[in-house]
N, C-alpha and C. Protein backbone atom coordinates (compact mmCIF):
# COMPACT_ATOMS: atom_id res chain seq x y z
N MET A 1 0.64 -1.54 -0.30
CA MET A 1 -0.41 -0.08 -0.20
C MET A 1 0.82 2.25 -0.22
N ALA A 2 0.76 2.77 -1.03
CA ALA A 2 1.76 3.51 -0.80
C ALA A 2 0.26 4.16 -0.87
N TYR A 3 1.42 5.90 -0.55
CA TYR A 3 0.64 6.85 -0.02
C TYR A 3 1.02 7.96 -0.88
N ASN A 4 0.76 8.57 -1.55
CA ASN A 4 1.45 9.97 -1.88
C ASN A 4 0.82 11.17 -1.71
N ASP A 5 1.47 11.94 -0.62
CA ASP A 5 0.93 13.34 -0.24
C ASP A 5 1.31 14.66 -0.95
N SER A 6 1.68 14.52 -2.32
CA SER A 6 1.51 15.52 -3.19
C SER A 6 0.94 15.63 -4.53
N ASP A 7 -0.09 14.68 -4.22
CA ASP A 7 -1.35 14.66 -5.20
C ASP A 7 -0.42 14.57 -6.72
N GLY A 8 0.72 13.73 -6.79
CA GLY A 8 1.25 12.44 -8.05
C GLY A 8 2.35 13.92 -8.61
N ARG A 9 2.75 15.00 -7.33
CA ARG A 9 4.05 14.98 -7.71
C ARG A 9 5.64 15.18 -7.23
N ASP A 10 5.16 13.65 -6.71
CA ASP A 10 6.60 13.26 -6.20
C ASP A 10 7.25 12.47 -7.08
N ALA A 11 5.55 11.92 -7.93
CA ALA A 11 6.06 10.51 -9.49
C ALA A 11 6.51 11.58 -10.49
N ALA A 12 5.85 13.18 -10.76
CA ALA A 12 6.29 14.06 -11.39
C ALA A 12 7.56 14.45 -11.64
N ARG A 13 8.46 14.16 -10.28
CA ARG A 13 9.69 15.14 -10.29
C ARG A 13 10.39 13.26 -9.76
N GLY A 14 9.74 12.23 -10.07
CA GLY A 14 10.48 11.38 -10.83
C GLY A 14 10.86 10.53 -9.11
N GLY A 15 10.24 11.24 -7.63
CA GLY A 15 10.93 10.14 -6.05
C GLY A 15 9.75 9.57 -6.18
N SER A 16 10.06 8.33 -4.74
CA SER A 16 9.26 7.69 -4.98
C SER A 16 8.78 8.04 -3.85
N ALA A 17 6.91 8.24 -3.05
CA ALA A 17 5.73 8.13 -2.72
C ALA A 17 6.46 7.23 -1.01
N PRO A 18 6.28 7.61 -0.27
CA PRO A 18 6.77 7.07 1.00
C PRO A 18 5.44 5.84 0.94
N MET A 19 5.95 4.88 1.62
CA MET A 19 4.80 3.82 2.13
C MET A 19 3.94 3.75 3.65
N ALA A 20 2.49 3.73 3.10
CA ALA A 20 1.48 3.80 4.50
C ALA A 20 1.18 2.67 4.43
N VAL A 21 0.97 2.97 6.08
CA VAL A 21 0.21 1.17 7.39
C VAL A 21 -0.24 2.05 8.02
N LYS A 22 -2.01 0.80 7.64
CA LYS A 22 -2.87 1.15 8.98
C LYS A 22 -2.83 0.82 10.13
N ILE A 23 -3.12 1.05 10.63
CA ILE A 23 -2.35 0.52 13.25
C ILE A 23 -4.32 0.73 13.13
N LEU A 24 -4.41 -0.17 13.71
CA LEU A 24 -5.07 0.37 15.26
C LEU A 24 -4.99 0.19 16.50
N ILE A 25 -5.50 1.36 16.74
CA ILE A 25 -5.45 1.89 18.07
C ILE A 25 -6.57 1.52 19.48
N ALA A 26 -6.46 0.49 20.01
CA ALA A 26 -7.56 -0.20 19.98
C ALA A 26 -7.54 -0.31 21.69
N GLY A 27 -8.82 -0.72 22.92
CA GLY A 27 -8.59 -0.74 24.21
C GLY A 27 -10.29 -0.49 24.73
N GLY A 28 -10.42 -0.48 26.00
CA GLY A 28 -11.12 -0.96 26.52
C GLY A 28 -11.98 0.61 26.37
N PHE A 29 -12.93 0.91 27.27
CA PHE A 29 -13.68 2.22 27.53
C PHE A 29 -12.89 3.09 28.05
N GLY A 30 -12.57 4.31 27.69
CA GLY A 30 -11.63 5.68 28.28
C GLY A 30 -11.55 5.21 28.35
N VAL A 31 -9.86 4.83 27.81
CA VAL A 31 -8.63 3.72 28.21
C VAL A 31 -7.44 5.22 27.28
N GLY A 32 -8.44 6.33 26.29
CA GLY A 32 -7.24 7.27 26.45
C GLY A 32 -7.07 6.57 24.81
N LYS A 33 -8.12 6.03 23.73
CA LYS A 33 -7.25 5.55 22.85
C LYS A 33 -7.63 7.12 21.12
N THR A 34 -8.83 7.86 22.12
CA THR A 34 -9.41 9.13 21.02
C THR A 34 -8.06 10.19 21.80
N THR A 35 -8.20 9.90 22.69
CA THR A 35 -6.82 11.03 22.72
C THR A 35 -5.59 10.86 22.29
N MET A 36 -4.95 9.44 22.06
CA MET A 36 -3.62 8.79 21.30
C MET A 36 -3.79 9.90 20.45
N VAL A 37 -4.58 9.61 19.28
CA VAL A 37 -4.88 9.78 17.82
C VAL A 37 -4.51 10.97 17.94
N GLY A 38 -5.76 12.39 19.03
CA GLY A 38 -5.37 13.26 18.45
C GLY A 38 -4.46 13.60 18.83
N ALA A 39 -3.54 12.99 19.97
CA ALA A 39 -2.29 14.10 20.46
C ALA A 39 -0.81 13.95 19.20
N VAL A 40 -1.09 12.91 19.32
CA VAL A 40 0.00 12.28 17.63
C VAL A 40 -0.09 13.07 16.20
N SER A 41 -1.26 12.85 16.36
CA SER A 41 -1.73 13.36 14.92
C SER A 41 -0.93 14.83 13.86
N GLU A 42 -1.04 14.28 12.79
CA GLU A 42 0.05 15.42 11.67
C GLU A 42 -1.38 16.20 11.35
N VAL A 43 -1.97 15.59 11.42
CA VAL A 43 -3.20 16.48 10.66
C VAL A 43 -4.72 16.42 11.69
N ALA A 44 -5.18 17.30 11.49
CA ALA A 44 -6.76 17.39 12.38
C ALA A 44 -7.87 15.61 12.37
N PRO A 45 -8.04 15.69 13.56
CA PRO A 45 -8.13 14.69 13.31
C PRO A 45 -9.54 13.94 13.59
N LEU A 46 -9.92 12.56 12.64
CA LEU A 46 -11.95 12.96 12.85
C LEU A 46 -11.93 12.56 13.65
N ARG A 47 -12.75 13.09 14.67
CA ARG A 47 -13.38 12.29 15.20
C ARG A 47 -14.70 11.41 15.33
N THR A 48 -15.63 10.33 15.93
CA THR A 48 -16.83 10.63 16.27
C THR A 48 -17.46 10.47 17.44
N GLU A 49 -17.47 11.23 18.48
CA GLU A 49 -17.34 10.87 19.97
C GLU A 49 -18.87 11.52 19.73
N GLU A 50 -20.14 10.97 20.68
CA GLU A 50 -21.48 11.37 20.63
C GLU A 50 -21.54 11.15 22.55
N TYR A 51 -21.98 12.60 23.23
CA TYR A 51 -22.45 12.07 24.41
C TYR A 51 -23.20 10.86 25.34
N LEU A 52 -22.79 10.50 25.92
CA LEU A 52 -23.36 9.31 27.22
C LEU A 52 -25.20 9.89 27.59
N THR A 53 -25.91 9.29 26.91
CA THR A 53 -26.92 10.14 27.68
C THR A 53 -27.18 8.09 28.32
N VAL A 54 -28.86 8.50 28.97
CA VAL A 54 -29.64 8.04 30.60
C VAL A 54 -29.77 6.59 29.57
N ALA A 55 -29.46 6.35 28.31
CA ALA A 55 -29.99 5.30 27.53
C ALA A 55 -29.49 4.24 27.75
N GLY A 56 -27.60 4.18 27.99
CA GLY A 56 -26.54 4.30 27.85
C GLY A 56 -26.35 3.36 29.48
N VAL A 57 -27.25 4.02 30.60
CA VAL A 57 -27.75 3.35 31.61
C VAL A 57 -27.67 1.71 31.72
N GLY A 58 -26.60 1.07 32.68
CA GLY A 58 -26.98 -0.35 32.76
C GLY A 58 -27.05 -1.23 31.35
N VAL A 59 -26.25 -0.39 30.35
CA VAL A 59 -25.19 -0.86 29.09
C VAL A 59 -24.06 -0.33 29.25
N ASP A 60 -24.08 1.07 29.26
CA ASP A 60 -22.44 1.17 29.00
C ASP A 60 -20.91 1.20 30.62
N ASP A 61 -20.20 0.40 30.62
CA ASP A 61 -19.39 0.61 31.56
C ASP A 61 -19.11 1.72 32.00
N VAL A 62 -19.04 2.70 32.75
CA VAL A 62 -18.42 3.81 33.20
C VAL A 62 -17.55 3.40 34.12
N ALA A 63 -18.22 1.81 35.36
CA ALA A 63 -16.95 2.17 35.98
C ALA A 63 -14.95 2.31 36.40
N GLY A 64 -14.98 3.00 37.29
CA GLY A 64 -13.63 3.79 37.15
C GLY A 64 -13.49 4.65 35.65
N VAL A 65 -15.03 5.99 35.21
CA VAL A 65 -14.22 6.97 34.28
C VAL A 65 -15.37 7.19 34.56
N ALA A 66 -15.58 8.29 35.34
CA ALA A 66 -17.45 8.19 35.69
C ALA A 66 -17.80 10.15 35.11
N THR A 67 -16.60 10.07 35.10
CA THR A 67 -16.28 11.90 34.54
C THR A 67 -16.51 12.08 33.46
N LYS A 68 -16.52 10.89 32.84
CA LYS A 68 -16.59 10.55 31.06
C LYS A 68 -17.68 10.62 30.68
N ASP A 69 -17.91 11.96 29.15
CA ASP A 69 -19.23 12.10 29.29
C ASP A 69 -19.44 12.01 27.71
N THR A 70 -18.51 11.24 27.30
CA THR A 70 -18.59 10.85 25.52
C THR A 70 -18.08 10.28 25.60
N THR A 71 -18.18 9.70 24.94
CA THR A 71 -17.65 8.10 23.63
C THR A 71 -17.81 7.62 22.15
N THR A 72 -16.62 6.86 22.10
CA THR A 72 -17.19 7.31 20.10
C THR A 72 -17.49 5.76 19.78
N VAL A 73 -18.51 6.31 19.11
CA VAL A 73 -19.60 5.20 18.17
C VAL A 73 -18.71 4.88 17.27
N ALA A 74 -18.28 5.47 16.33
CA ALA A 74 -17.65 4.79 15.08
C ALA A 74 -15.99 4.07 15.10
N MET A 75 -15.14 5.52 14.48
CA MET A 75 -13.62 5.77 14.62
C MET A 75 -13.27 7.09 14.84
N ASP A 76 -11.96 7.01 14.94
CA ASP A 76 -10.70 7.90 15.14
C ASP A 76 -10.31 7.86 14.13
N PHE A 77 -9.68 8.79 13.60
CA PHE A 77 -9.01 8.60 12.34
C PHE A 77 -7.60 10.34 12.76
N GLY A 78 -6.65 10.20 12.12
CA GLY A 78 -5.39 9.94 11.82
C GLY A 78 -4.09 10.30 11.19
N ARG A 79 -3.31 10.63 11.28
CA ARG A 79 -2.25 10.22 10.02
C ARG A 79 -1.08 11.33 10.93
N ILE A 80 0.22 10.69 10.98
CA ILE A 80 1.29 10.83 11.50
C ILE A 80 2.17 10.42 10.88
N THR A 81 3.67 10.59 10.12
CA THR A 81 4.75 11.14 9.67
C THR A 81 5.62 10.52 10.19
N ILE A 82 6.59 9.22 10.11
CA ILE A 82 7.49 8.63 10.71
C ILE A 82 8.54 8.74 10.67
N SER A 83 8.36 8.48 9.01
CA SER A 83 10.43 9.15 7.92
C SER A 83 10.10 9.70 7.30
N SER A 84 10.74 10.22 6.38
CA SER A 84 10.57 10.03 4.84
C SER A 84 10.26 9.00 3.84
N ASP A 85 9.78 7.94 4.86
CA ASP A 85 9.60 6.95 3.84
C ASP A 85 8.50 6.22 4.49
N LEU A 86 7.50 6.36 5.38
CA LEU A 86 6.60 5.32 6.43
C LEU A 86 6.01 6.54 6.69
N VAL A 87 4.86 6.52 6.69
CA VAL A 87 3.21 7.17 7.26
C VAL A 87 2.33 6.01 7.51
N MET A 88 2.17 6.23 8.90
CA MET A 88 1.09 5.43 9.35
C MET A 88 -0.18 5.71 9.38
N TYR A 89 -0.96 5.33 9.25
CA TYR A 89 -2.62 5.48 9.41
C TYR A 89 -3.25 4.93 10.90
N LEU A 90 -3.66 6.14 11.29
CA LEU A 90 -4.35 5.93 12.63
C LEU A 90 -5.60 5.92 12.97
N PHE A 91 -6.15 5.08 12.88
CA PHE A 91 -7.75 3.89 13.00
C PHE A 91 -8.23 4.28 15.11
N GLY A 92 -8.18 4.70 15.48
CA GLY A 92 -9.01 4.39 16.88
C GLY A 92 -10.13 3.47 17.05
N THR A 93 -10.89 1.95 17.62
CA THR A 93 -11.14 1.66 17.27
C THR A 93 -12.67 2.44 18.81
N PRO A 94 -13.83 1.83 19.35
CA PRO A 94 -15.20 2.05 19.30
C PRO A 94 -14.11 0.83 21.13
N GLY A 95 -14.78 2.06 22.02
CA GLY A 95 -14.29 1.09 23.66
C GLY A 95 -15.48 0.36 24.02
N GLN A 96 -16.84 0.42 23.42
CA GLN A 96 -18.42 0.12 24.61
C GLN A 96 -19.00 -1.38 23.78
N GLU A 97 -18.38 -2.43 24.03
CA GLU A 97 -18.60 -3.37 24.29
C GLU A 97 -20.26 -3.45 22.65
N ARG A 98 -21.41 -2.24 23.10
CA ARG A 98 -21.99 -2.45 22.02
C ARG A 98 -21.55 -2.08 20.24
N PHE A 99 -19.93 -1.25 20.88
CA PHE A 99 -19.67 -1.05 19.09
C PHE A 99 -18.82 -2.22 18.85
N TRP A 100 -18.23 -3.19 19.13
CA TRP A 100 -17.42 -4.10 19.13
C TRP A 100 -17.44 -5.11 17.85
N PHE A 101 -18.99 -4.65 17.47
CA PHE A 101 -19.02 -4.88 15.55
C PHE A 101 -18.26 -4.94 14.55
N MET A 102 -17.47 -3.17 14.90
CA MET A 102 -16.92 -3.21 14.03
C MET A 102 -15.74 -3.24 14.24
N TRP A 103 -14.89 -3.46 15.03
CA TRP A 103 -14.01 -3.83 15.09
C TRP A 103 -13.67 -4.67 13.48
N ASN A 104 -14.50 -5.71 12.99
CA ASN A 104 -13.74 -6.42 12.12
C ASN A 104 -14.38 -5.98 10.56
N ASP A 105 -14.61 -4.77 10.20
CA ASP A 105 -14.22 -3.48 9.59
C ASP A 105 -13.58 -3.71 9.39
N LEU A 106 -12.98 -2.58 10.68
CA LEU A 106 -12.39 -1.76 10.66
C LEU A 106 -10.53 -2.83 10.69
N VAL A 107 -10.22 -3.76 11.43
CA VAL A 107 -8.86 -4.67 10.90
C VAL A 107 -8.92 -5.03 9.72
N HIS A 108 -9.23 -4.44 9.27
CA HIS A 108 -8.77 -4.85 7.29
C HIS A 108 -7.86 -4.48 7.25
N GLY A 109 -6.87 -5.02 6.74
CA GLY A 109 -6.00 -4.00 6.00
C GLY A 109 -4.81 -3.98 6.91
N ALA A 110 -5.29 -4.53 8.47
CA ALA A 110 -4.01 -3.56 9.57
C ALA A 110 -3.52 -4.41 9.33
N LEU A 111 -1.84 -3.80 9.41
CA LEU A 111 -1.07 -4.62 9.95
C LEU A 111 -0.04 -4.78 11.12
N GLY A 112 -0.92 -3.36 11.81
CA GLY A 112 -0.17 -3.74 13.51
C GLY A 112 -1.42 -2.90 13.59
N ALA A 113 -0.56 -2.80 15.74
CA ALA A 113 -1.81 -2.72 17.04
C ALA A 113 -1.14 -1.56 17.67
N VAL A 114 -2.04 -0.94 18.25
CA VAL A 114 -1.66 -0.81 19.85
C VAL A 114 -3.33 -1.28 20.38
N VAL A 115 -2.67 -1.40 21.51
CA VAL A 115 -3.73 -1.55 22.86
C VAL A 115 -2.86 -0.84 23.91
N LEU A 116 -4.48 0.26 23.75
CA LEU A 116 -3.78 0.35 24.62
C LEU A 116 -4.71 -0.09 26.73
N ALA A 117 -3.66 0.26 27.83
CA ALA A 117 -4.83 -0.53 28.83
C ALA A 117 -4.15 1.20 29.91
N ASP A 118 -4.97 0.64 30.82
CA ASP A 118 -5.13 1.58 31.95
C ASP A 118 -5.61 0.40 33.59
N THR A 119 -3.87 0.90 34.21
CA THR A 119 -3.74 -0.12 35.43
C THR A 119 -4.49 -0.20 36.22
N ARG A 120 -5.68 0.76 36.11
CA ARG A 120 -6.86 0.58 37.13
C ARG A 120 -7.86 -0.09 36.40
N ARG A 121 -7.93 -0.32 35.90
CA ARG A 121 -8.82 -1.16 34.87
C ARG A 121 -8.11 -2.35 33.95
N LEU A 122 -7.07 -2.78 34.21
CA LEU A 122 -7.16 -3.84 32.99
C LEU A 122 -8.02 -5.10 32.40
N GLN A 123 -8.55 -4.61 33.15
CA GLN A 123 -10.04 -5.81 32.05
C GLN A 123 -10.56 -5.21 31.33
N GLY A 124 -10.25 -3.84 31.28
CA GLY A 124 -10.71 -3.90 29.90
C GLY A 124 -10.06 -3.86 28.03
N SER A 125 -7.98 -4.55 28.86
CA SER A 125 -7.66 -4.90 27.51
C SER A 125 -8.17 -5.99 26.94
N PHE A 126 -8.83 -6.58 27.73
CA PHE A 126 -8.21 -8.32 27.91
C PHE A 126 -9.25 -8.65 25.55
N ALA A 127 -10.15 -7.76 25.66
CA ALA A 127 -10.53 -8.22 24.62
C ALA A 127 -10.67 -7.81 23.08
N SER A 128 -9.61 -5.97 23.68
CA SER A 128 -8.86 -5.94 22.92
C SER A 128 -7.26 -7.19 22.61
N ILE A 129 -7.89 -8.32 22.91
CA ILE A 129 -5.61 -8.12 23.41
C ILE A 129 -5.79 -9.61 22.48
N ASP A 130 -7.59 -10.83 22.90
CA ASP A 130 -7.98 -11.39 22.35
C ASP A 130 -8.72 -11.90 20.75
N PHE A 131 -9.17 -11.46 20.63
CA PHE A 131 -9.10 -10.13 19.20
C PHE A 131 -8.18 -10.13 18.48
N PHE A 132 -7.27 -9.39 18.76
CA PHE A 132 -5.58 -9.62 17.74
C PHE A 132 -4.71 -10.65 17.87
N GLU A 133 -4.90 -11.72 19.06
CA GLU A 133 -4.55 -12.33 19.14
C GLU A 133 -5.07 -13.55 17.69
N ASN A 134 -5.76 -13.96 18.18
CA ASN A 134 -6.67 -14.87 17.45
C ASN A 134 -6.22 -14.90 15.81
N ARG A 135 -6.29 -13.54 15.32
CA ARG A 135 -5.86 -13.14 14.50
C ARG A 135 -4.59 -11.86 13.64
N GLY A 136 -3.75 -13.52 14.35
CA GLY A 136 -2.48 -13.46 14.25
C GLY A 136 -1.89 -11.73 13.91
N ILE A 137 -2.52 -11.35 14.57
CA ILE A 137 -1.67 -9.64 14.02
C ILE A 137 -0.92 -8.41 15.46
N PRO A 138 0.02 -8.75 15.05
CA PRO A 138 1.21 -8.01 15.92
C PRO A 138 0.97 -7.17 16.75
N PHE A 139 0.59 -6.88 17.83
CA PHE A 139 0.54 -5.68 18.47
C PHE A 139 0.81 -4.99 19.84
N VAL A 140 1.34 -4.08 20.27
CA VAL A 140 2.45 -3.61 21.53
C VAL A 140 1.12 -3.49 22.41
N VAL A 141 1.52 -3.06 23.71
CA VAL A 141 0.27 -2.65 24.63
C VAL A 141 1.31 -1.51 25.28
N GLY A 142 0.44 -0.16 24.85
CA GLY A 142 0.92 1.19 25.88
C GLY A 142 -0.30 1.68 27.02
N VAL A 143 0.74 2.00 28.82
CA VAL A 143 -0.33 2.24 29.30
C VAL A 143 -0.04 3.57 29.67
N ASN A 144 -1.58 3.31 29.29
CA ASN A 144 -1.37 5.11 29.65
C ASN A 144 -1.65 4.66 31.75
N CYS A 145 -0.44 6.43 31.19
CA CYS A 145 -0.14 6.13 32.93
C CYS A 145 -0.21 8.16 33.23
N PHE A 146 -1.53 8.00 33.39
CA PHE A 146 -2.39 9.44 33.64
C PHE A 146 -1.31 10.23 34.90
N ASP A 147 -1.41 11.31 34.02
CA ASP A 147 -0.35 12.12 35.44
C ASP A 147 0.78 11.54 35.79
N GLY A 148 2.22 11.09 35.11
CA GLY A 148 2.78 9.91 35.43
C GLY A 148 2.42 9.40 36.12
N ARG A 149 1.41 8.11 37.09
CA ARG A 149 1.69 8.30 37.97
C ARG A 149 1.59 6.39 37.25
N GLN A 150 2.11 5.52 37.87
CA GLN A 150 2.88 4.01 37.55
C GLN A 150 2.71 3.38 38.45
N GLU A 151 1.32 3.04 38.44
CA GLU A 151 0.80 2.16 40.27
C GLU A 151 1.16 0.44 39.34
N ARG A 152 1.50 0.00 39.05
CA ARG A 152 2.38 -1.25 38.35
C ARG A 152 3.69 -1.57 37.32
N THR A 153 3.75 -2.71 37.92
CA THR A 153 5.47 -2.41 37.17
C THR A 153 5.44 -3.39 35.80
N VAL A 154 6.22 -2.84 35.02
CA VAL A 154 5.88 -3.78 33.33
C VAL A 154 5.85 -5.38 33.83
N PRO A 155 6.19 -5.85 34.49
CA PRO A 155 6.53 -7.66 34.94
C PRO A 155 4.57 -7.96 35.49
N GLU A 156 4.40 -6.93 35.92
CA GLU A 156 3.50 -6.77 36.90
C GLU A 156 2.25 -7.02 35.82
N ILE A 157 2.20 -5.89 35.16
CA ILE A 157 1.39 -6.31 33.77
C ILE A 157 1.57 -6.68 32.76
N ARG A 158 2.73 -7.96 32.85
CA ARG A 158 3.25 -9.10 31.51
C ARG A 158 1.88 -9.31 31.96
N ASP A 159 1.66 -10.36 33.65
CA ASP A 159 1.40 -11.15 34.21
C ASP A 159 0.01 -11.31 34.10
N ALA A 160 -0.17 -9.96 34.93
CA ALA A 160 -2.28 -10.09 34.35
C ALA A 160 -2.46 -10.09 32.72
N LEU A 161 -2.05 -9.32 32.35
CA LEU A 161 -2.77 -9.88 30.96
C LEU A 161 -2.18 -10.64 30.98
N ASP A 162 -1.72 -11.55 30.82
CA ASP A 162 -1.48 -13.07 30.83
C ASP A 162 -0.19 -12.33 28.90
N LEU A 163 0.77 -11.87 28.71
CA LEU A 163 0.84 -11.89 27.62
C LEU A 163 2.42 -12.68 27.14
N ASP A 164 2.12 -12.72 26.07
CA ASP A 164 3.98 -13.02 25.99
C ASP A 164 4.56 -12.47 26.37
N PRO A 165 6.05 -13.22 25.81
CA PRO A 165 7.81 -12.61 26.76
C PRO A 165 8.25 -11.48 25.43
N ASN A 166 7.52 -11.89 24.08
CA ASN A 166 7.43 -11.17 23.44
C ASN A 166 7.06 -9.87 22.79
N VAL A 167 5.26 -9.77 23.59
CA VAL A 167 5.29 -8.58 23.37
C VAL A 167 5.80 -7.04 24.09
N PRO A 168 5.75 -6.42 22.94
CA PRO A 168 6.38 -4.82 23.51
C PRO A 168 5.37 -4.44 24.93
N ILE A 169 5.74 -3.48 26.38
CA ILE A 169 4.68 -2.62 26.67
C ILE A 169 6.02 -1.73 26.73
N LEU A 170 5.10 -0.93 26.85
CA LEU A 170 5.37 0.72 27.11
C LEU A 170 4.66 1.53 28.34
N MET A 171 5.50 1.90 29.03
CA MET A 171 4.35 2.98 29.86
C MET A 171 4.52 5.37 29.69
N GLY A 172 3.97 5.81 29.67
CA GLY A 172 3.33 6.62 29.72
C GLY A 172 2.55 7.30 29.30
N ASP A 173 2.86 8.29 29.84
CA ASP A 173 1.30 9.37 29.59
C ASP A 173 1.15 10.04 28.74
N LEU A 174 -0.07 8.96 27.75
CA LEU A 174 -0.22 9.25 26.15
C LEU A 174 -1.12 10.57 25.49
N ARG A 175 -1.17 11.72 27.26
CA ARG A 175 -1.43 12.79 26.06
C ARG A 175 -0.39 13.29 25.63
N ARG A 176 0.79 13.04 25.60
CA ARG A 176 2.01 14.05 25.61
C ARG A 176 2.17 13.15 23.95
N ARG A 177 3.02 14.05 22.81
CA ARG A 177 3.16 12.90 21.67
C ARG A 177 4.19 12.55 21.19
N PRO A 178 5.35 13.43 22.48
CA PRO A 178 7.17 12.46 22.12
C PRO A 178 6.17 10.29 22.95
N VAL A 179 5.89 10.75 23.68
CA VAL A 179 5.28 9.41 24.36
C VAL A 179 4.74 8.70 23.19
N SER A 180 3.23 8.90 22.91
CA SER A 180 2.36 8.33 21.83
C SER A 180 3.44 8.11 20.33
N ARG A 181 4.22 9.20 20.39
CA ARG A 181 5.33 8.72 18.94
C ARG A 181 5.60 7.51 19.39
N ASP A 182 6.91 7.32 20.17
CA ASP A 182 7.10 6.62 21.06
C ASP A 182 7.55 5.08 20.63
N VAL A 183 5.30 4.40 21.09
CA VAL A 183 4.69 4.21 21.18
C VAL A 183 4.37 3.51 19.91
N LEU A 184 4.51 3.94 19.11
CA LEU A 184 3.86 3.47 17.56
C LEU A 184 5.54 3.39 17.31
N VAL A 185 7.36 4.55 17.34
CA VAL A 185 7.64 2.93 17.21
C VAL A 185 8.23 2.08 17.53
N ALA A 186 7.78 1.82 18.34
CA ALA A 186 8.05 0.90 19.59
C ALA A 186 6.91 -0.42 18.52
N LEU A 187 6.09 0.00 17.73
CA LEU A 187 5.61 -0.63 17.14
C LEU A 187 6.09 -1.74 16.32
N ILE A 188 6.24 -0.49 15.05
CA ILE A 188 7.54 -0.70 13.70
C ILE A 188 8.00 -1.15 13.90
N ASP A 189 8.99 -1.98 15.27
CA ASP A 189 10.45 -2.14 15.58
C ASP A 189 9.50 -3.43 15.78
N HIS A 190 9.00 -3.69 16.38
CA HIS A 190 7.69 -5.10 16.79
C HIS A 190 8.16 -5.91 15.28
N LEU A 191 7.01 -4.59 14.46
CA LEU A 191 6.76 -6.07 13.44
C LEU A 191 7.90 -5.83 12.46
N MET A 192 8.71 -5.37 13.04
CA MET A 192 9.97 -5.30 12.00
C MET A 192 10.43 -6.98 12.21
N SER A 193 11.15 -7.03 14.19
CA SER A 193 11.64 -8.15 14.70
C SER A 193 10.08 -9.18 13.94
N GLU A 194 9.10 -9.10 14.04
CA GLU A 194 8.54 -10.08 13.84
C GLU A 194 8.25 -10.60 12.21
N GLN A 195 8.14 -10.24 11.36
CA GLN A 195 8.81 -10.71 10.07
C GLN A 195 10.15 -11.20 10.43
N LYS A 196 11.37 -11.03 10.36
CA LYS A 196 12.46 -12.14 10.57
C LYS A 196 12.08 -12.66 10.77
N THR A 197 12.13 -13.04 11.93
CA THR A 197 11.16 -13.97 12.78
C THR A 197 10.66 -15.22 11.74
N ALA A 198 9.12 -15.02 11.70
CA ALA A 198 8.55 -15.09 10.53
C ALA A 198 9.83 -15.70 9.16
N SER A 199 10.41 -14.82 8.69
CA SER A 199 10.74 -15.65 7.34
C SER A 199 12.41 -16.76 7.82
N VAL A 200 12.85 -16.37 9.19
CA VAL A 200 13.48 -18.31 9.38
C VAL A 200 13.13 -19.04 9.74
N ARG A 201 11.18 -18.74 10.02
CA ARG A 201 10.74 -20.83 10.29
C ARG A 201 10.84 -21.50 8.88
């Protein structure tokens, strides 16, 4: 899949357009998917957020995020240039269980994923991890340490989420662009490592 950011001008000059890859940003409700896409995107992000209403009482699980008043009902979308030859398109998945059916459409063409986790509600990440493991899609885990709080160690998180030893875990405040960018770079490194391992088999 190739991406041309200059409406054909690169091709006209004989230059090559950067490679584009599709990446999913997944995780439970209120874990920071929309925030991460917005923090790292170099273009105005597309958001499909709606206000939570009384109709969702008893349906939407807002435990631990009682102050959150909106939810993604379709997807988030953003773009970031990692290098001169690599552009990432970011698709944030909806976190509420009633919207999970959209994951099957969003995953088409995805090269990898970032699963976001909140140490206060790690159980919210299980569905995303199972989804990507069952489809053989490589992923990294980004632990959103709000305001720099790190309530668990990496080994504790790996054990709690039952992650394979080769799955990278990164911790930081994902509201900060450099932190979110580091997570995406780690995913690219992980994808390259997985590809090398597969080629040896």
